[in-house]
C-alpha atoms as a PDB file:
ATOM      1  CA  MET A   1     -73.119 -29.591  14.493  1.00  0.00           C
ATOM      2  CA  ARG A   2     -72.424 -26.794  11.993  1.00  0.00           C
ATOM      3  CA  TYR A   3     -69.116 -26.589  10.228  1.00  0.00           C
ATOM      4  CA  PRO A   4     -67.572 -23.293   9.163  1.00  0.00           C
ATOM      5  CA  LYS A   5     -68.016 -22.207   5.590  1.00  0.00           C
ATOM      6  CA  THR A   6     -65.174 -22.870   3.181  1.00  0.00           C
ATOM      7  CA  LYS A   7     -64.570 -19.161   2.671  1.00  0.00           C
ATOM      8  CA  ASP A   8     -64.247 -18.654   6.451  1.00  0.00           C
ATOM      9  CA  ILE A   9     -61.711 -21.483   6.697  1.00  0.00           C
ATOM     10  CA  LYS A  10     -59.700 -20.049   3.805  1.00  0.00           C
ATOM     11  CA  LYS A  11     -59.711 -16.616   5.440  1.00  0.00           C
ATOM     12  CA  VAL A  12     -58.303 -17.996   8.696  1.00  0.00           C
ATOM     13  CA  LEU A  13     -55.667 -20.035   6.867  1.00  0.00           C
ATOM     14  CA  ASN A  14     -54.554 -16.974   4.919  1.00  0.00           C
ATOM     15  CA  GLU A  15     -54.170 -14.994   8.146  1.00  0.00           C
ATOM     16  CA  LEU A  16     -51.867 -17.557   9.740  1.00  0.00           C
ATOM     17  CA  THR A  17     -48.174 -16.758   9.627  1.00  0.00           C
ATOM     18  CA  ASP A  18     -45.032 -18.746  10.340  1.00  0.00           C
ATOM     19  CA  ASP A  19     -44.995 -17.142  13.786  1.00  0.00           C
ATOM     20  CA  ASP A  20     -48.138 -19.083  14.689  1.00  0.00           C
ATOM     21  CA  PHE A  21     -46.327 -22.417  14.600  1.00  0.00           C
ATOM     22  CA  ILE A  22     -43.629 -24.117  16.619  1.00  0.00           C
ATOM     23  CA  LYS A  23     -40.328 -24.055  14.794  1.00  0.00           C
ATOM     24  CA  ILE A  24     -38.535 -27.334  14.189  1.00  0.00           C
ATOM     25  CA  ILE A  25     -34.846 -27.360  13.421  1.00  0.00           C
ATOM     26  CA  PRO A  26     -33.312 -29.721  10.871  1.00  0.00           C
ATOM     27  CA  LEU A  27     -31.209 -32.699  11.957  1.00  0.00           C
ATOM     28  CA  ASP A  28     -28.111 -31.098  10.447  1.00  0.00           C
ATOM     29  CA  ALA A  29     -28.615 -27.795  12.307  1.00  0.00           C
ATOM     30  CA  PRO A  30     -25.514 -26.231  13.890  1.00  0.00           C
ATOM     31  CA  LYS A  31     -24.726 -27.463  17.388  1.00  0.00           C
ATOM     32  CA  THR A  32     -25.378 -24.024  18.857  1.00  0.00           C
ATOM     33  CA  ASP A  33     -28.929 -24.124  17.464  1.00  0.00           C
ATOM     34  CA  LYS A  34     -29.427 -27.589  18.949  1.00  0.00           C
ATOM     35  CA  VAL A  35     -28.334 -26.313  22.374  1.00  0.00           C
ATOM     36  CA  LYS A  36     -30.710 -23.344  22.152  1.00  0.00           C
ATOM     37  CA  TYR A  37     -33.512 -25.695  21.068  1.00  0.00           C
ATOM     38  CA  GLU A  38     -32.896 -27.933  24.085  1.00  0.00           C
ATOM     39  CA  LEU A  39     -32.912 -24.918  26.401  1.00  0.00           C
ATOM     40  CA  CYS A  40     -36.260 -23.813  24.960  1.00  0.00           C
ATOM     41  CA  LYS A  41     -37.558 -27.320  25.535  1.00  0.00           C
ATOM     42  CA  MET A  42     -36.719 -26.938  29.238  1.00  0.00           C
ATOM     43  CA  PHE A  43     -38.904 -23.826  29.445  1.00  0.00           C
ATOM     44  CA  VAL A  44     -41.799 -25.681  27.829  1.00  0.00           C
ATOM     45  CA  ALA A  45     -41.349 -28.559  30.293  1.00  0.00           C
ATOM     46  CA  TYR A  46     -41.323 -26.063  33.179  1.00  0.00           C
ATOM     47  CA  ILE A  47     -44.578 -24.476  32.010  1.00  0.00           C
ATOM     48  CA  LYS A  48     -46.233 -27.893  31.830  1.00  0.00           C
ATOM     49  CA  LYS A  49     -44.804 -29.145  35.125  1.00  0.00           C
ATOM     50  CA  GLU A  50     -45.761 -26.003  37.043  1.00  0.00           C
ATOM     51  CA  ASN A  51     -49.072 -25.693  35.180  1.00  0.00           C
ATOM     52  CA  ILE A  52     -48.560 -21.988  34.526  1.00  0.00           C
ATOM     53  CA  THR A  53     -49.281 -19.715  31.592  1.00  0.00           C
ATOM     54  CA  GLN A  54     -46.812 -17.926  29.378  1.00  0.00           C
ATOM     55  CA  VAL A  55     -47.900 -14.691  31.030  1.00  0.00           C
ATOM     56  CA  GLU A  56     -47.006 -16.057  34.468  1.00  0.00           C
ATOM     57  CA  LEU A  57     -43.641 -17.270  33.198  1.00  0.00           C
ATOM     58  CA  ALA A  58     -42.961 -13.823  31.725  1.00  0.00           C
ATOM     59  CA  ARG A  59     -43.648 -12.324  35.166  1.00  0.00           C
ATOM     60  CA  GLN A  60     -41.282 -14.791  36.828  1.00  0.00           C
ATOM     61  CA  LEU A  61     -38.557 -14.059  34.284  1.00  0.00           C
ATOM     62  CA  LYS A  62     -39.282 -10.309  34.299  1.00  0.00           C
ATOM     63  CA  VAL A  63     -39.402 -10.218  30.501  1.00  0.00           C
ATOM     64  CA  ASP A  64     -41.969  -9.226  27.925  1.00  0.00           C
ATOM     65  CA  ARG A  65     -44.608 -11.850  27.058  1.00  0.00           C
ATOM     66  CA  SER A  66     -43.451 -11.866  23.448  1.00  0.00           C
ATOM     67  CA  ARG A  67     -40.037 -13.162  24.568  1.00  0.00           C
ATOM     68  CA  VAL A  68     -41.652 -16.084  26.335  1.00  0.00           C
ATOM     69  CA  ASN A  69     -43.778 -16.741  23.269  1.00  0.00           C
ATOM     70  CA  TRP A  70     -40.623 -16.872  21.150  1.00  0.00           C
ATOM     71  CA  ILE A  71     -39.085 -19.322  23.616  1.00  0.00           C
ATOM     72  CA  VAL A  72     -42.036 -21.721  23.686  1.00  0.00           C
ATOM     73  CA  LYS A  73     -42.289 -21.614  19.901  1.00  0.00           C
ATOM     74  CA  TYR A  74     -38.568 -22.350  19.624  1.00  0.00           C
ATOM     75  CA  ARG A  75     -37.702 -19.095  17.846  1.00  0.00           C
ATOM     76  CA  ILE A  76     -34.049 -19.676  18.679  1.00  0.00           C
ATOM     77  CA  GLU A  77     -32.803 -17.036  16.234  1.00  0.00           C
ATOM     78  CA  HIS A  78     -33.884 -14.364  18.729  1.00  0.00           C
ATOM     79  CA  PHE A  79     -31.611 -15.630  21.519  1.00  0.00           C
ATOM     80  CA  THR A  80     -28.072 -16.513  22.384  1.00  0.00           C
ATOM     81  CA  ILE A  81     -27.241 -19.563  24.450  1.00  0.00           C
ATOM     82  CA  ASP A  82     -26.145 -17.313  27.322  1.00  0.00           C
ATOM     83  CA  ARG A  83     -29.413 -15.392  27.344  1.00  0.00           C
ATOM     84  CA  LEU A  84     -31.550 -18.527  27.382  1.00  0.00           C
ATOM     85  CA  TYR A  85     -29.400 -20.051  30.114  1.00  0.00           C
ATOM     86  CA  GLU A  86     -29.525 -16.843  32.153  1.00  0.00           C
ATOM     87  CA  LEU A  87     -33.332 -16.845  31.953  1.00  0.00           C
ATOM     88  CA  LEU A  88     -33.542 -20.543  32.780  1.00  0.00           C
ATOM     89  CA  GLU A  89     -31.459 -20.009  35.930  1.00  0.00           C
ATOM     90  CA  LYS A  90     -34.116 -17.579  37.175  1.00  0.00           C
ATOM     91  CA  ILE A  91     -36.701 -20.357  37.354  1.00  0.00           C
ATOM     92  CA  ILE A  92     -34.422 -23.361  37.891  1.00  0.00           C
ATOM     93  CA  PRO A  93     -31.489 -21.988  39.937  1.00  0.00           C
ATOM     94  CA  ASP A  94     -29.702 -25.337  40.178  1.00  0.00           C
ATOM     95  CA  CYS A  95     -29.905 -26.166  36.457  1.00  0.00           C
ATOM     96  CA  LYS A  96     -26.704 -27.406  34.852  1.00  0.00           C
ATOM     97  CA  LEU A  97     -25.664 -27.014  31.242  1.00  0.00           C
ATOM     98  CA  GLN A  98     -23.816 -30.158  30.250  1.00  0.00           C
ATOM     99  CA  VAL A  99     -21.935 -30.689  27.011  1.00  0.00           C
ATOM    100  CA  SER A 100     -21.431 -34.188  25.724  1.00  0.00           C
END
């Protein structure tokens, strides 16, 4: 088995951006961010449960693929709670938002 050259690995690492990774929020994040994070988690669970792609989910939601990518990478700064909940209701009509 051949491994990539060090210079090739460095090139790929330099091309990666923060957008390539799933965002994790801190434990002391505002409650609104925690709610948005949990809503995003429900989309990820739906994709896994239904065994669909992000492209298929974008079709179901009637949104651009980049929006779905933001959701599955937990880019919560791009959404309000209402918007995420509105989108979630399109795929899980009987979903309930519960505050505890």
